[in-house]
Amino acid sequence: MRGLVRLIWLEFLLQLREPFAAFFPLAFPPLLILLFGSIYGNEPKPELGGLGTIDVTVPGYIALVLATVGIFNLPISLASYRERGFLRRLAVTPLSPFAIFLAHLVSLALLTVCGILLLVLVAKAGYHLRFPGSLPSAIAAGMVGGLALYAFGFALAALAPTARTAQVASMLLFYPMLFLSGMALPREILPERVQQVATVFPATPVVTVLRAAWENTAWWQHESQALLVLALWTIASLAVAAWRFRWE
């Protein structure tokens, strides 16, 4: 158990030491809050149900943290470990393969939680963030969305032969989702045809369930289609990861 805890802590510190891995989940979403908050403010608007611009965009930024860690950090770091032979060496240690993956997953989950907390703190301190929803419901929605995006990241790591390939694939998949799935910009401002195209991305239903949970709706009842899409992405991604993953 002590070895597992030490491995988790080491993995977490390694993520913080990488500028690219630390900037996007920890600094980029708060910077977006400051940018759009300085432009639009966060005054209540009747068309937003009494919420402000920042209030309704924070769920998308939370999805952005989840997607950054799941689609960037996870596959790139795992592919890099495999390319350098770290996974092969860890595989012959007393720790089981399950413990190794658990340590990596928990360290990324810690990074995700830190990013979300920092995001909410900046929004609350700078723009008096309003949260009309239920905290347990929002946490459950985040866990469901995070599971799907992490599974997708594991599939990318299994398919990518090198860290460079994983990085290129992550960028090609992440940036369209950033602008089309509702993470950086509300999907409602996009043309209807573009919105329909965006439904194929795994991040789109994550934003949908997070926004529903944030606005105090029973997202597990009202967003059954989004949940079905998330379930399909999770199952398919885990199947690909189990089929293609290699220690070296």
Protein backbone atom coordinates (compact mmCIF):
# COMPACT_ATOMS: atom_id res chain seq x y z
CA MET A 1 0.00 0.00 0.00
CA ARG A 2 2.83 2.37 0.86
CA GLY A 3 4.43 1.71 -2.52
CA LEU A 4 1.17 2.53 -4.28
CA VAL A 5 0.79 5.83 -2.39
CA ARG A 6 4.37 6.80 -3.20
CA LEU A 7 3.82 5.98 -6.86
CA ILE A 8 0.65 8.10 -6.93
CA TRP A 9 2.49 11.05 -5.39
CA LEU A 10 5.41 10.65 -7.79
CA GLU A 11 3.07 10.55 -10.78
CA PHE A 12 1.31 13.69 -9.54
CA LEU A 13 4.60 15.58 -9.12
CA LEU A 14 5.73 14.51 -12.58
CA GLN A 15 2.55 15.98 -14.06
CA LEU A 16 3.18 19.29 -12.26
CA ARG A 17 6.77 19.41 -13.53
CA GLU A 18 5.68 19.26 -17.16
CA PRO A 19 4.76 22.82 -18.26
CA PHE A 20 2.37 21.63 -20.97
CA ALA A 21 0.70 19.05 -18.72
CA ALA A 22 0.23 21.52 -15.87
CA PHE A 23 -0.71 24.68 -17.79
CA PHE A 24 -3.83 23.55 -19.61
CA PRO A 25 -5.72 21.88 -16.73
CA LEU A 26 -4.60 24.36 -14.04
CA ALA A 27 -4.06 27.76 -15.67
CA PHE A 28 -5.89 27.84 -19.00
CA PRO A 29 -9.52 27.61 -17.72
CA PRO A 30 -9.02 30.34 -15.04
CA LEU A 31 -7.47 32.54 -17.73
CA LEU A 32 -10.59 32.04 -19.85
CA ILE A 33 -12.70 33.04 -16.85
CA LEU A 34 -10.70 36.24 -16.42
CA LEU A 35 -10.78 37.01 -20.15
CA PHE A 36 -14.50 36.53 -20.74
CA GLY A 37 -15.39 37.90 -17.31
CA SER A 38 -13.60 41.16 -18.11
CA ILE A 39 -15.52 41.39 -21.40
CA TYR A 40 -19.03 40.26 -20.45
CA GLY A 41 -19.10 40.44 -16.65
CA ASN A 42 -21.43 38.18 -14.71
CA GLU A 43 -24.57 40.22 -14.22
CA PRO A 44 -27.82 38.19 -14.01
CA LYS A 45 -29.67 38.02 -17.31
CA PRO A 46 -33.36 37.06 -17.69
CA GLU A 47 -32.62 35.07 -20.87
CA LEU A 48 -30.17 32.95 -18.83
CA GLY A 49 -32.68 32.22 -16.08
CA GLY A 50 -31.23 34.82 -13.73
CA LEU A 51 -27.67 33.56 -14.16
CA GLY A 52 -24.73 35.44 -15.61
CA THR A 53 -22.38 34.67 -18.48
CA ILE A 54 -19.71 33.20 -16.21
CA ASP A 55 -22.31 31.12 -14.35
CA VAL A 56 -23.41 29.31 -17.51
CA THR A 57 -19.91 28.89 -18.98
CA VAL A 58 -18.24 27.35 -15.91
CA PRO A 59 -19.68 23.84 -16.59
CA GLY A 60 -18.05 23.95 -20.03
CA TYR A 61 -14.75 24.97 -18.47
CA ILE A 62 -15.02 22.07 -16.01
CA ALA A 63 -15.48 19.79 -19.01
CA LEU A 64 -12.41 21.48 -20.48
CA VAL A 65 -10.35 20.45 -17.44
CA LEU A 66 -11.64 16.87 -17.72
CA ALA A 67 -10.92 16.73 -21.45
CA THR A 68 -7.46 18.26 -21.11
CA VAL A 69 -6.38 15.66 -18.57
CA GLY A 70 -8.15 12.76 -20.28
CA ILE A 71 -7.26 13.49 -23.90
CA PHE A 72 -3.89 15.22 -23.47
CA ASN A 73 -2.13 14.25 -20.26
CA LEU A 74 -3.20 10.63 -20.00
CA PRO A 75 -2.37 9.29 -23.49
CA ILE A 76 0.80 11.36 -23.92
CA SER A 77 2.26 10.35 -20.56
CA LEU A 78 1.39 6.65 -20.96
CA ALA A 79 2.74 6.54 -24.51
CA SER A 80 5.91 8.29 -23.33
CA TYR A 81 6.38 5.79 -20.50
CA ARG A 82 5.96 2.87 -22.88
CA GLU A 83 8.33 4.39 -25.45
CA ARG A 84 11.04 4.93 -22.81
CA GLY A 85 10.59 1.47 -21.34
CA PHE A 86 9.20 2.64 -18.00
CA LEU A 87 6.06 0.51 -18.27
CA ARG A 88 8.09 -2.60 -18.99
CA ARG A 89 10.24 -1.98 -15.91
CA LEU A 90 7.23 -1.27 -13.72
CA ALA A 91 5.57 -4.46 -14.97
CA VAL A 92 8.26 -6.58 -13.30
CA THR A 93 8.09 -4.79 -9.94
CA PRO A 94 6.08 -6.17 -6.97
CA LEU A 95 3.26 -3.78 -7.88
CA SER A 96 0.56 -5.39 -10.00
CA PRO A 97 -0.35 -3.96 -13.43
CA PHE A 98 -3.68 -2.91 -11.93
CA ALA A 99 -1.88 -0.94 -9.20
CA ILE A 100 0.28 0.80 -11.78
CA PHE A 101 -2.72 1.93 -13.80
CA LEU A 102 -4.57 2.87 -10.63
CA ALA A 103 -1.68 5.08 -9.51
CA HIS A 104 -1.60 6.84 -12.86
CA LEU A 105 -5.37 7.30 -12.87
CA VAL A 106 -5.51 8.62 -9.29
CA SER A 107 -2.68 11.09 -9.94
CA LEU A 108 -4.54 12.43 -12.97
CA ALA A 109 -7.74 12.59 -10.94
CA LEU A 110 -5.92 14.68 -8.33
CA LEU A 111 -4.72 17.03 -11.06
CA THR A 112 -8.27 17.27 -12.38
CA VAL A 113 -9.70 18.10 -8.95
CA CYS A 114 -7.03 20.77 -8.42
CA GLY A 115 -7.87 22.31 -11.80
CA ILE A 116 -11.62 22.37 -11.10
CA LEU A 117 -11.16 23.82 -7.62
CA LEU A 118 -8.86 26.56 -8.93
CA LEU A 119 -11.33 27.35 -11.71
CA VAL A 120 -14.28 27.62 -9.31
CA LEU A 121 -12.22 29.67 -6.83
CA VAL A 122 -11.28 32.23 -9.49
CA ALA A 123 -14.89 32.45 -10.74
CA LYS A 124 -16.24 32.79 -7.21
CA ALA A 125 -13.68 35.35 -6.03
CA GLY A 126 -13.64 37.41 -9.20
CA TYR A 127 -17.24 37.22 -10.44
CA HIS A 128 -19.39 35.91 -7.55
CA LEU A 129 -20.13 32.61 -9.23
CA ARG A 130 -23.69 31.33 -8.71
CA PHE A 131 -24.38 27.62 -8.39
CA PRO A 132 -28.11 26.79 -8.28
CA GLY A 133 -27.56 23.04 -8.59
CA SER A 134 -26.85 20.22 -6.17
CA LEU A 135 -23.21 19.53 -5.31
CA PRO A 136 -23.58 15.71 -5.15
CA SER A 137 -25.41 15.76 -8.49
CA ALA A 138 -22.69 17.92 -10.07
CA ILE A 139 -19.93 15.67 -8.69
CA ALA A 140 -21.72 12.59 -10.06
CA ALA A 141 -22.04 14.23 -13.49
CA GLY A 142 -18.35 15.12 -13.43
CA MET A 143 -17.38 11.56 -12.52
CA VAL A 144 -19.49 10.12 -15.35
CA GLY A 145 -18.00 12.55 -17.84
CA GLY A 146 -14.48 12.07 -16.53
CA LEU A 147 -14.78 8.29 -16.81
CA ALA A 148 -15.73 8.55 -20.48
CA LEU A 149 -12.91 10.98 -21.31
CA TYR A 150 -10.32 9.01 -19.36
CA ALA A 151 -11.39 5.81 -21.12
CA PHE A 152 -11.03 7.64 -24.43
CA GLY A 153 -7.53 8.71 -23.38
CA PHE A 154 -6.58 5.12 -22.53
CA ALA A 155 -7.70 4.06 -26.00
CA LEU A 156 -5.52 6.77 -27.56
CA ALA A 157 -2.56 5.63 -25.46
CA ALA A 158 -3.11 2.04 -26.57
CA LEU A 159 -3.26 2.98 -30.24
CA ALA A 160 -0.38 5.48 -30.31
CA PRO A 161 3.02 3.82 -30.92
CA THR A 162 5.00 6.85 -29.65
CA ALA A 163 4.52 9.89 -27.44
CA ARG A 164 4.80 12.18 -30.48
CA THR A 165 2.03 10.27 -32.23
CA ALA A 166 -0.14 10.49 -29.10
CA GLN A 167 0.47 14.25 -28.91
CA VAL A 168 -0.48 14.84 -32.54
CA ALA A 169 -3.58 12.65 -32.27
CA SER A 170 -4.62 14.38 -29.05
CA MET A 171 -4.30 17.82 -30.62
CA LEU A 172 -6.22 16.81 -33.75
CA LEU A 173 -9.08 15.51 -31.61
CA PHE A 174 -9.01 18.03 -28.77
CA TYR A 175 -9.07 21.37 -30.60
CA PRO A 176 -12.22 20.67 -32.65
CA MET A 177 -13.93 19.59 -29.42
CA LEU A 178 -12.70 22.72 -27.64
CA PHE A 179 -14.64 24.99 -29.99
CA LEU A 180 -17.48 22.73 -31.16
CA SER A 181 -18.48 20.73 -28.05
CA GLY A 182 -19.35 23.71 -25.86
CA MET A 183 -16.21 23.78 -23.70
CA ALA A 184 -14.82 27.18 -24.74
CA LEU A 185 -17.94 28.59 -26.44
CA PRO A 186 -21.65 27.79 -25.97
CA ARG A 187 -22.89 25.40 -28.64
CA GLU A 188 -26.03 27.50 -29.05
CA ILE A 189 -24.10 30.19 -30.95
CA LEU A 190 -22.94 27.69 -33.58
CA PRO A 191 -24.89 26.91 -36.79
CA GLU A 192 -27.33 24.04 -36.41
CA ARG A 193 -25.44 21.81 -38.83
CA VAL A 194 -22.21 22.33 -36.88
CA GLN A 195 -24.03 21.48 -33.66
CA GLN A 196 -25.17 18.21 -35.21
CA VAL A 197 -21.63 17.36 -36.28
CA ALA A 198 -20.36 18.11 -32.77
CA THR A 199 -22.61 15.44 -31.26
CA VAL A 200 -20.16 12.74 -32.40
CA PHE A 201 -17.43 14.06 -30.07
CA PRO A 202 -17.17 12.48 -26.59
CA ALA A 203 -16.82 15.91 -24.94
CA THR A 204 -20.22 17.12 -26.20
CA PRO A 205 -22.38 14.91 -23.92
CA VAL A 206 -19.99 15.67 -21.04
CA VAL A 207 -20.77 19.39 -21.39
CA THR A 208 -24.46 18.57 -21.70
CA VAL A 209 -24.70 16.60 -18.45
CA LEU A 210 -22.51 19.08 -16.56
CA ARG A 211 -24.66 22.02 -17.61
CA ALA A 212 -27.81 20.13 -16.64
CA ALA A 213 -26.35 19.30 -13.22
CA TRP A 214 -25.17 22.89 -12.76
CA GLU A 215 -28.64 24.26 -13.50
CA ASN A 216 -30.27 21.98 -10.91
CA THR A 217 -32.05 19.61 -13.27
CA ALA A 218 -32.26 15.85 -12.90
CA TRP A 219 -29.68 15.27 -15.61
CA TRP A 220 -29.87 11.47 -15.35
CA GLN A 221 -33.53 11.72 -16.39
CA HIS A 222 -33.52 14.65 -18.81
CA GLU A 223 -30.24 13.85 -20.55
CA SER A 224 -30.70 10.13 -21.18
CA GLN A 225 -29.44 10.46 -24.76
CA ALA A 226 -26.23 12.13 -23.60
CA LEU A 227 -25.76 9.40 -21.00
CA LEU A 228 -26.23 6.72 -23.65
CA VAL A 229 -23.58 8.37 -25.84
CA LEU A 230 -21.19 8.56 -22.88
CA ALA A 231 -21.79 4.90 -22.07
CA LEU A 232 -21.08 3.89 -25.67
CA TRP A 233 -17.88 5.96 -25.76
CA THR A 234 -16.73 4.48 -22.44
CA ILE A 235 -17.40 0.86 -23.42
CA ALA A 236 -15.89 1.23 -26.90
CA SER A 237 -12.80 3.05 -25.58
CA LEU A 238 -12.13 0.48 -22.85
CA ALA A 239 -12.57 -2.34 -25.37
CA VAL A 240 -10.02 -0.74 -27.71
CA ALA A 241 -7.61 -0.12 -24.82
CA ALA A 242 -7.85 -3.74 -23.62
CA TRP A 243 -7.38 -5.04 -27.16
CA ARG A 244 -4.47 -2.85 -28.26
CA PHE A 245 -2.54 -1.90 -25.14
CA ARG A 246 1.03 -3.22 -24.87
CA TRP A 247 3.60 -2.73 -22.13
CA GLU A 248 6.31 -2.05 -24.71
